[in-house]
Amino acid sequence: MEGSWDAFKDSIEKSKEYHKRYHTAISNPMRRKILKLVSEGKSVEEIRNSLDLSPSQLEYHLHFLEHGFCIKRDGDRIKLTKEGEIIYYVDSGNKELG
């Protein structure tokens, strides 16, 4: 499976790439807002409207989240991956993780 840890765990270089992509995805405040909305079951259109983003702006952020293993797309629906569930721990008052 290309978009999962399994594709990256067999070498230090691949592991570094995995962690770099993941960190890039979750380090942006707008992308964390998007993850929060995804966790609430919002559609692409609902996310775009809620955050007042253009379609291209939202697509830019969704690309990083998908490339960073945080979301999976299924048509117009988006689901959190295990990695994307970090949103339940960050930006929620839990200072242990960030």
Protein backbone atom coordinates (compact mmCIF):
# COMPACT_ATOMS: atom_id res chain seq x y z
CA MET A 1 0.00 0.00 0.00
CA GLU A 2 1.77 3.14 -1.27
CA GLY A 3 0.24 5.71 1.05
CA SER A 4 0.96 3.97 4.31
CA TRP A 5 3.78 3.40 6.76
CA ASP A 6 4.34 -0.08 5.28
CA ALA A 7 5.78 1.46 2.11
CA PHE A 8 8.28 3.54 4.12
CA LYS A 9 9.40 1.41 7.04
CA ASP A 10 12.11 -0.66 5.36
CA SER A 11 14.89 1.95 5.39
CA ILE A 12 16.08 4.98 7.32
CA GLU A 13 15.82 7.18 4.22
CA LYS A 14 12.24 6.14 3.55
CA SER A 15 11.36 6.58 7.22
CA LYS A 16 12.76 10.12 7.15
CA GLU A 17 10.68 10.88 4.05
CA TYR A 18 7.53 9.54 5.73
CA HIS A 19 8.08 11.67 8.83
CA LYS A 20 8.98 14.76 6.78
CA ARG A 21 5.76 14.48 4.74
CA TYR A 22 3.67 13.87 7.86
CA HIS A 23 5.21 16.81 9.74
CA THR A 24 4.72 19.12 6.76
CA ALA A 25 1.07 18.12 6.60
CA ILE A 26 0.21 18.66 10.26
CA SER A 27 2.42 21.65 11.04
CA ASN A 28 0.21 24.10 9.13
CA PRO A 29 -2.66 25.64 11.17
CA MET A 30 -5.03 25.71 8.18
CA ARG A 31 -4.44 22.02 7.52
CA ARG A 32 -5.17 21.25 11.17
CA LYS A 33 -8.46 23.15 10.82
CA ILE A 34 -9.23 21.06 7.75
CA LEU A 35 -8.43 17.85 9.66
CA LYS A 36 -10.77 18.97 12.44
CA LEU A 37 -13.60 19.50 9.95
CA VAL A 38 -12.88 16.14 8.33
CA SER A 39 -13.09 14.54 11.77
CA GLU A 40 -16.58 16.07 12.05
CA GLY A 41 -17.64 14.39 8.80
CA LYS A 42 -17.73 17.54 6.66
CA SER A 43 -17.69 17.28 2.87
CA VAL A 44 -15.20 19.06 0.63
CA GLU A 45 -17.75 21.77 -0.11
CA GLU A 46 -18.63 22.23 3.56
CA ILE A 47 -14.94 22.51 4.46
CA ARG A 48 -14.33 25.04 1.70
CA ASN A 49 -17.28 27.18 2.76
CA SER A 50 -16.48 26.93 6.45
CA LEU A 51 -12.91 28.13 5.95
CA ASP A 52 -13.70 30.58 3.12
CA LEU A 53 -11.18 28.95 0.78
CA SER A 54 -11.22 28.91 -3.00
CA PRO A 55 -11.36 25.46 -4.62
CA SER A 56 -7.68 25.73 -5.55
CA GLN A 57 -6.66 26.78 -2.04
CA LEU A 58 -8.49 23.85 -0.50
CA GLU A 59 -7.04 21.45 -3.06
CA TYR A 60 -3.55 22.71 -2.22
CA HIS A 61 -4.03 21.84 1.45
CA LEU A 62 -5.79 18.54 0.74
CA HIS A 63 -2.85 17.51 -1.41
CA PHE A 64 -0.45 18.02 1.50
CA LEU A 65 -2.75 16.14 3.87
CA GLU A 66 -3.09 13.22 1.48
CA HIS A 67 0.62 13.21 0.64
CA GLY A 68 1.33 13.34 4.38
CA PHE A 69 -0.81 10.25 5.09
CA CYS A 70 -3.47 12.15 7.09
CA ILE A 71 -6.50 11.67 4.82
CA LYS A 72 -7.94 9.32 2.24
CA ARG A 73 -10.30 10.57 -0.43
CA ASP A 74 -13.34 8.72 -1.68
CA GLY A 75 -14.95 10.92 -4.29
CA ASP A 76 -16.19 14.06 -2.57
CA ARG A 77 -15.82 12.51 0.87
CA ILE A 78 -12.64 12.60 2.92
CA LYS A 79 -11.75 10.30 5.79
CA LEU A 80 -9.07 10.58 8.42
CA THR A 81 -6.35 7.97 8.42
CA LYS A 82 -4.78 6.71 11.63
CA GLU A 83 -2.14 9.43 11.20
CA GLY A 84 -4.83 12.06 10.69
CA GLU A 85 -6.35 11.19 14.04
CA ILE A 86 -3.58 13.31 15.58
CA ILE A 87 -6.14 16.11 15.36
CA TYR A 88 -7.90 14.61 18.36
CA TYR A 89 -4.79 15.43 20.43
CA VAL A 90 -3.45 18.71 19.02
CA ASP A 91 -5.20 22.08 19.12
CA SER A 92 -7.59 20.68 21.73
CA GLY A 93 -5.93 21.92 24.88
CA ASN A 94 -3.77 18.81 25.26
CA LYS A 95 -0.26 20.21 25.59
CA GLU A 96 1.45 16.80 25.86
CA LEU A 97 1.76 16.48 22.08
CA GLY A 98 2.35 19.96 21.05
